Amino acid sequence: MTRLLNVFNPSKLYLLVLALLLGVALTACSPNTVTNKAFSSRTIQIKLTFSQLPNTSLYYYTYIFSPSAPPQTPNTTRYFFTPGRPYDQDQLDRDGVPIEYFYRNYFSTWSGYVRAEGINNTILFNGPFSATTNAQTHFSYQQRSSFSSVTMSQSNTFTIQFLLDYLPTLISSGYLSMIVTNKDTGKIEDLVDINTVLSLANDTEQRGSDPSVDFGTDPAADITQWEVKIF
């Protein structure tokens, strides 16, 4: 009886439990777990090349995403804004286009967008953006406060990097459009619709030239090439 009690000594039981917990911890840190975490934390890098040095003090650079079809954008110099952001009602009245028009024809096809408002000053809005949104519900869309990105301007290029985790609807592929708008007038200066699907797998790279017509006259707003990398 004495030997039986010694086998189940409380101190030995404590050591056994501790050993089991350590085993579970080591299993959680196995190579497979590390690989899965790395895959879920892919970084997207988008580089735009302009006709001359880009100017973030004059222009917004907006990156628009959709998982299953190209996001719709206006092929015009008309005044343009984005979901959840302040807009000029007088300008809409002059154009004769209500706010509902933008949601019905454009914003409802977006899953989210990122806008560079300056160097190291970027915002993210996640969709979906309802096609029935009106002036009363426009500001119900809120920017993601935790969003973080890195932006770089060098020579004639502007580059942005951020984690794809911020765009949860984009898994293995997606579509991208980019719009340059004038901060003062809200007019579209240039627009690039990448109508081919982009692979979002690790270590992929895709690039192309701007097939659209430059609406503006400032070379600092004229996109000539684009490049997307995933790593």
Protein backbone atom coordinates (compact mmCIF):
# COMPACT_ATOMS: atom_id res chain seq x y z
CA MET A 1 0.00 0.00 0.00
CA THR A 2 2.88 2.34 0.79
CA ARG A 3 4.43 1.79 -2.65
CA LEU A 4 1.13 2.56 -4.36
CA LEU A 5 0.90 5.91 -2.60
CA ASN A 6 4.45 6.77 -3.65
CA VAL A 7 3.61 6.20 -7.33
CA PHE A 8 0.82 8.78 -7.15
CA ASN A 9 2.82 11.29 -5.19
CA PRO A 10 1.39 14.81 -5.87
CA SER A 11 4.79 16.19 -6.88
CA LYS A 12 5.23 13.45 -9.48
CA LEU A 13 1.73 14.09 -10.80
CA TYR A 14 2.59 17.77 -11.17
CA LEU A 15 5.70 16.91 -13.20
CA LEU A 16 3.65 14.61 -15.44
CA VAL A 17 1.10 17.35 -16.17
CA LEU A 18 3.90 19.83 -16.87
CA ALA A 19 5.49 17.43 -19.35
CA LEU A 20 2.17 17.00 -21.17
CA LEU A 21 1.71 20.78 -21.44
CA LEU A 22 5.20 21.18 -22.86
CA GLY A 23 4.43 18.52 -25.44
CA VAL A 24 1.30 20.36 -26.56
CA ALA A 25 3.26 23.62 -26.84
CA LEU A 26 5.95 22.00 -28.98
CA THR A 27 3.29 20.51 -31.25
CA ALA A 28 1.71 23.96 -31.73
CA CYS A 29 5.08 25.30 -32.87
CA SER A 30 5.62 22.59 -35.46
CA PRO A 31 6.84 23.55 -38.99
CA ASN A 32 3.34 23.07 -40.44
CA THR A 33 1.90 25.67 -38.07
CA VAL A 34 4.62 28.18 -38.97
CA THR A 35 4.04 27.64 -42.69
CA ASN A 36 0.28 28.23 -42.36
CA LYS A 37 0.86 31.45 -40.44
CA ALA A 38 3.27 32.70 -43.11
CA PHE A 39 0.72 31.97 -45.83
CA SER A 40 -2.00 33.91 -44.01
CA SER A 41 0.31 36.91 -43.69
CA ARG A 42 1.08 37.50 -47.34
CA THR A 43 2.13 41.00 -48.33
CA ILE A 44 0.89 42.73 -51.47
CA GLN A 45 3.08 45.35 -53.09
CA ILE A 46 1.67 47.63 -55.78
CA LYS A 47 4.06 49.85 -57.70
CA LEU A 48 2.84 52.56 -60.06
CA THR A 49 5.12 54.29 -62.55
CA PHE A 50 4.17 57.79 -63.66
CA SER A 51 5.32 60.04 -66.50
CA GLN A 52 7.20 62.06 -63.92
CA LEU A 53 7.68 62.24 -60.15
CA PRO A 54 4.28 61.58 -58.52
CA ASN A 55 2.86 64.25 -56.22
CA THR A 56 0.92 62.98 -53.19
CA SER A 57 0.26 66.53 -52.03
CA LEU A 58 -1.95 67.13 -55.09
CA TYR A 59 -3.47 63.71 -55.79
CA TYR A 60 -5.16 60.74 -54.13
CA TYR A 61 -4.12 57.27 -55.32
CA THR A 62 -7.00 54.82 -54.80
CA TYR A 63 -6.63 51.03 -55.11
CA ILE A 64 -9.94 49.22 -55.60
CA PHE A 65 -10.37 45.46 -55.07
CA SER A 66 -12.89 42.76 -55.96
CA PRO A 67 -12.56 38.97 -55.52
CA SER A 68 -14.61 37.60 -58.43
CA ALA A 69 -15.08 40.26 -61.13
CA PRO A 70 -13.43 43.54 -62.15
CA PRO A 71 -14.64 46.42 -59.95
CA GLN A 72 -16.64 48.95 -61.93
CA THR A 73 -15.16 52.43 -62.33
CA PRO A 74 -16.26 55.51 -64.29
CA ASN A 75 -14.45 56.08 -67.58
CA THR A 76 -14.85 59.83 -67.32
CA THR A 77 -13.32 62.97 -65.85
CA ARG A 78 -16.49 63.51 -63.79
CA TYR A 79 -16.25 64.31 -60.10
CA PHE A 80 -15.66 61.15 -58.07
CA PHE A 81 -15.53 60.21 -54.39
CA THR A 82 -15.37 56.99 -52.35
CA PRO A 83 -17.61 55.23 -49.78
CA GLY A 84 -17.60 56.67 -46.29
CA ARG A 85 -15.58 59.76 -47.19
CA PRO A 86 -16.72 63.41 -47.35
CA TYR A 87 -18.07 64.50 -50.71
CA ASP A 88 -19.18 67.72 -52.41
CA GLN A 89 -22.97 67.76 -52.74
CA ASP A 90 -22.84 70.94 -54.84
CA GLN A 91 -20.60 69.15 -57.33
CA LEU A 92 -23.02 66.22 -57.54
CA ASP A 93 -25.87 68.66 -58.12
CA ARG A 94 -23.95 70.37 -60.93
CA ASP A 95 -23.28 66.98 -62.56
CA GLY A 96 -26.91 65.99 -62.06
CA VAL A 97 -25.94 62.63 -60.54
CA PRO A 98 -27.25 61.57 -57.10
CA ILE A 99 -25.12 59.70 -54.59
CA GLU A 100 -27.24 56.58 -55.11
CA TYR A 101 -25.99 56.40 -58.69
CA PHE A 102 -22.40 55.82 -57.55
CA TYR A 103 -23.34 52.99 -55.20
CA ARG A 104 -25.63 51.29 -57.70
CA ASN A 105 -23.18 51.42 -60.61
CA TYR A 106 -19.74 51.39 -58.97
CA PHE A 107 -19.29 50.97 -55.23
CA SER A 108 -21.52 47.90 -54.91
CA THR A 109 -19.02 46.01 -57.12
CA TRP A 110 -16.10 46.79 -54.76
CA SER A 111 -15.06 44.51 -51.89
CA GLY A 112 -12.84 47.21 -50.42
CA TYR A 113 -10.44 49.99 -51.26
CA VAL A 114 -7.19 51.52 -50.05
CA ARG A 115 -6.45 55.20 -50.63
CA ALA A 116 -3.04 56.83 -50.32
CA GLU A 117 -3.65 60.38 -49.17
CA GLY A 118 0.05 61.12 -48.79
CA ILE A 119 3.33 59.47 -47.87
CA ASN A 120 2.67 57.28 -44.81
CA ASN A 121 -0.96 58.38 -44.80
CA THR A 122 -3.26 55.65 -46.10
CA ILE A 123 -6.79 54.53 -45.29
CA LEU A 124 -8.71 51.28 -45.81
CA PHE A 125 -12.46 50.77 -46.15
CA ASN A 126 -13.79 47.21 -46.29
CA GLY A 127 -17.05 46.45 -48.10
CA PRO A 128 -19.51 45.31 -49.05
CA PHE A 129 -20.99 48.65 -50.07
CA SER A 130 -24.72 48.27 -50.56
CA ALA A 131 -26.25 49.31 -53.88
CA THR A 132 -29.09 50.96 -51.95
CA THR A 133 -26.82 53.28 -49.93
CA ASN A 134 -28.02 56.89 -49.85
CA ALA A 135 -26.89 60.19 -48.33
CA GLN A 136 -28.18 59.14 -44.89
CA THR A 137 -26.25 55.85 -44.82
CA HIS A 138 -23.14 56.91 -46.77
CA PHE A 139 -21.17 57.66 -43.62
CA SER A 140 -22.09 54.36 -41.98
CA TYR A 141 -18.99 52.92 -43.65
CA GLN A 142 -15.99 53.38 -41.38
CA GLN A 143 -12.31 53.13 -42.16
CA ARG A 144 -10.40 50.30 -40.51
CA SER A 145 -8.48 51.87 -37.64
CA SER A 146 -5.95 49.04 -37.40
CA PHE A 147 -4.84 49.33 -41.03
CA SER A 148 -1.10 49.73 -41.53
CA SER A 149 0.91 50.11 -44.72
CA VAL A 150 4.27 51.24 -46.03
CA THR A 151 4.49 53.75 -48.88
CA MET A 152 7.52 54.79 -50.88
CA SER A 153 8.07 57.40 -53.58
CA GLN A 154 11.24 57.12 -55.64
CA SER A 155 12.06 58.54 -59.05
CA ASN A 156 8.83 58.25 -61.10
CA THR A 157 7.28 55.50 -58.96
CA PHE A 158 4.90 55.28 -56.04
CA THR A 159 4.80 51.99 -54.10
CA ILE A 160 2.49 50.74 -51.38
CA GLN A 161 2.78 47.55 -49.29
CA PHE A 162 0.34 46.02 -46.81
CA LEU A 163 -0.84 42.61 -45.56
CA LEU A 164 -3.52 40.85 -47.56
CA ASP A 165 -5.10 39.92 -44.21
CA TYR A 166 -6.69 43.37 -44.34
CA LEU A 167 -8.71 42.27 -47.41
CA PRO A 168 -10.37 39.06 -46.16
CA THR A 169 -12.40 38.44 -49.34
CA LEU A 170 -9.23 38.09 -51.43
CA ILE A 171 -7.94 34.54 -51.02
CA SER A 172 -6.25 33.02 -54.07
CA SER A 173 -7.03 35.62 -56.73
CA GLY A 174 -8.68 38.98 -57.28
CA TYR A 175 -9.11 42.05 -59.45
CA LEU A 176 -7.65 45.52 -59.08
CA SER A 177 -8.39 48.98 -60.44
CA MET A 178 -6.55 52.21 -59.65
CA ILE A 179 -7.77 55.80 -59.81
CA VAL A 180 -5.84 59.07 -59.50
CA THR A 181 -8.03 61.96 -58.37
CA ASN A 182 -7.30 65.63 -57.85
CA LYS A 183 -7.55 66.58 -54.17
CA ASP A 184 -8.89 70.06 -54.92
CA THR A 185 -11.46 69.32 -57.62
CA GLY A 186 -12.25 65.65 -57.03
CA LYS A 187 -11.88 65.05 -60.76
CA ILE A 188 -10.40 61.81 -62.08
CA GLU A 189 -6.96 62.42 -63.58
CA ASP A 190 -6.15 58.85 -64.59
CA LEU A 191 -7.70 55.42 -64.32
CA VAL A 192 -6.30 51.91 -64.76
CA ASP A 193 -8.61 48.88 -64.84
CA ILE A 194 -6.69 45.60 -64.71
CA ASN A 195 -9.35 43.43 -66.28
CA THR A 196 -7.36 40.20 -65.95
CA VAL A 197 -7.40 38.19 -62.75
CA LEU A 198 -4.40 38.61 -60.45
CA SER A 199 -2.89 35.60 -58.72
CA LEU A 200 -2.47 36.13 -54.98
CA ALA A 201 -0.26 33.11 -54.38
CA ASN A 202 3.06 33.56 -52.60
CA ASP A 203 6.02 34.71 -54.68
CA THR A 204 4.02 35.83 -57.70
CA GLU A 205 4.61 38.93 -59.80
CA GLN A 206 2.49 40.53 -62.52
CA ARG A 207 2.94 43.78 -64.43
CA GLY A 208 1.57 45.72 -67.34
CA SER A 209 1.27 49.09 -69.00
CA ASP A 210 -1.57 51.56 -68.67
CA PRO A 211 -4.03 50.83 -71.50
CA SER A 212 -6.33 53.72 -70.64
CA VAL A 213 -6.35 57.31 -71.81
CA ASP A 214 -4.87 59.84 -69.42
CA PHE A 215 -7.64 62.30 -68.56
CA GLY A 216 -5.46 65.01 -67.04
CA THR A 217 -2.61 67.11 -68.31
CA ASP A 218 -0.20 66.72 -65.38
CA PRO A 219 2.46 64.03 -65.99
CA ALA A 220 2.64 63.54 -62.20
CA ALA A 221 -0.84 61.97 -62.40
CA ASP A 222 -0.29 59.93 -65.57
CA ILE A 223 0.20 56.22 -64.80
CA THR A 224 2.33 54.52 -67.44
CA GLN A 225 3.01 51.11 -65.83
CA TRP A 226 1.86 48.98 -62.91
CA GLU A 227 3.39 46.05 -61.02
CA VAL A 228 1.86 43.75 -58.37
CA LYS A 229 3.96 41.42 -56.20
CA ILE A 230 2.86 38.95 -53.53
CA PHE A 231 5.40 37.72 -50.97
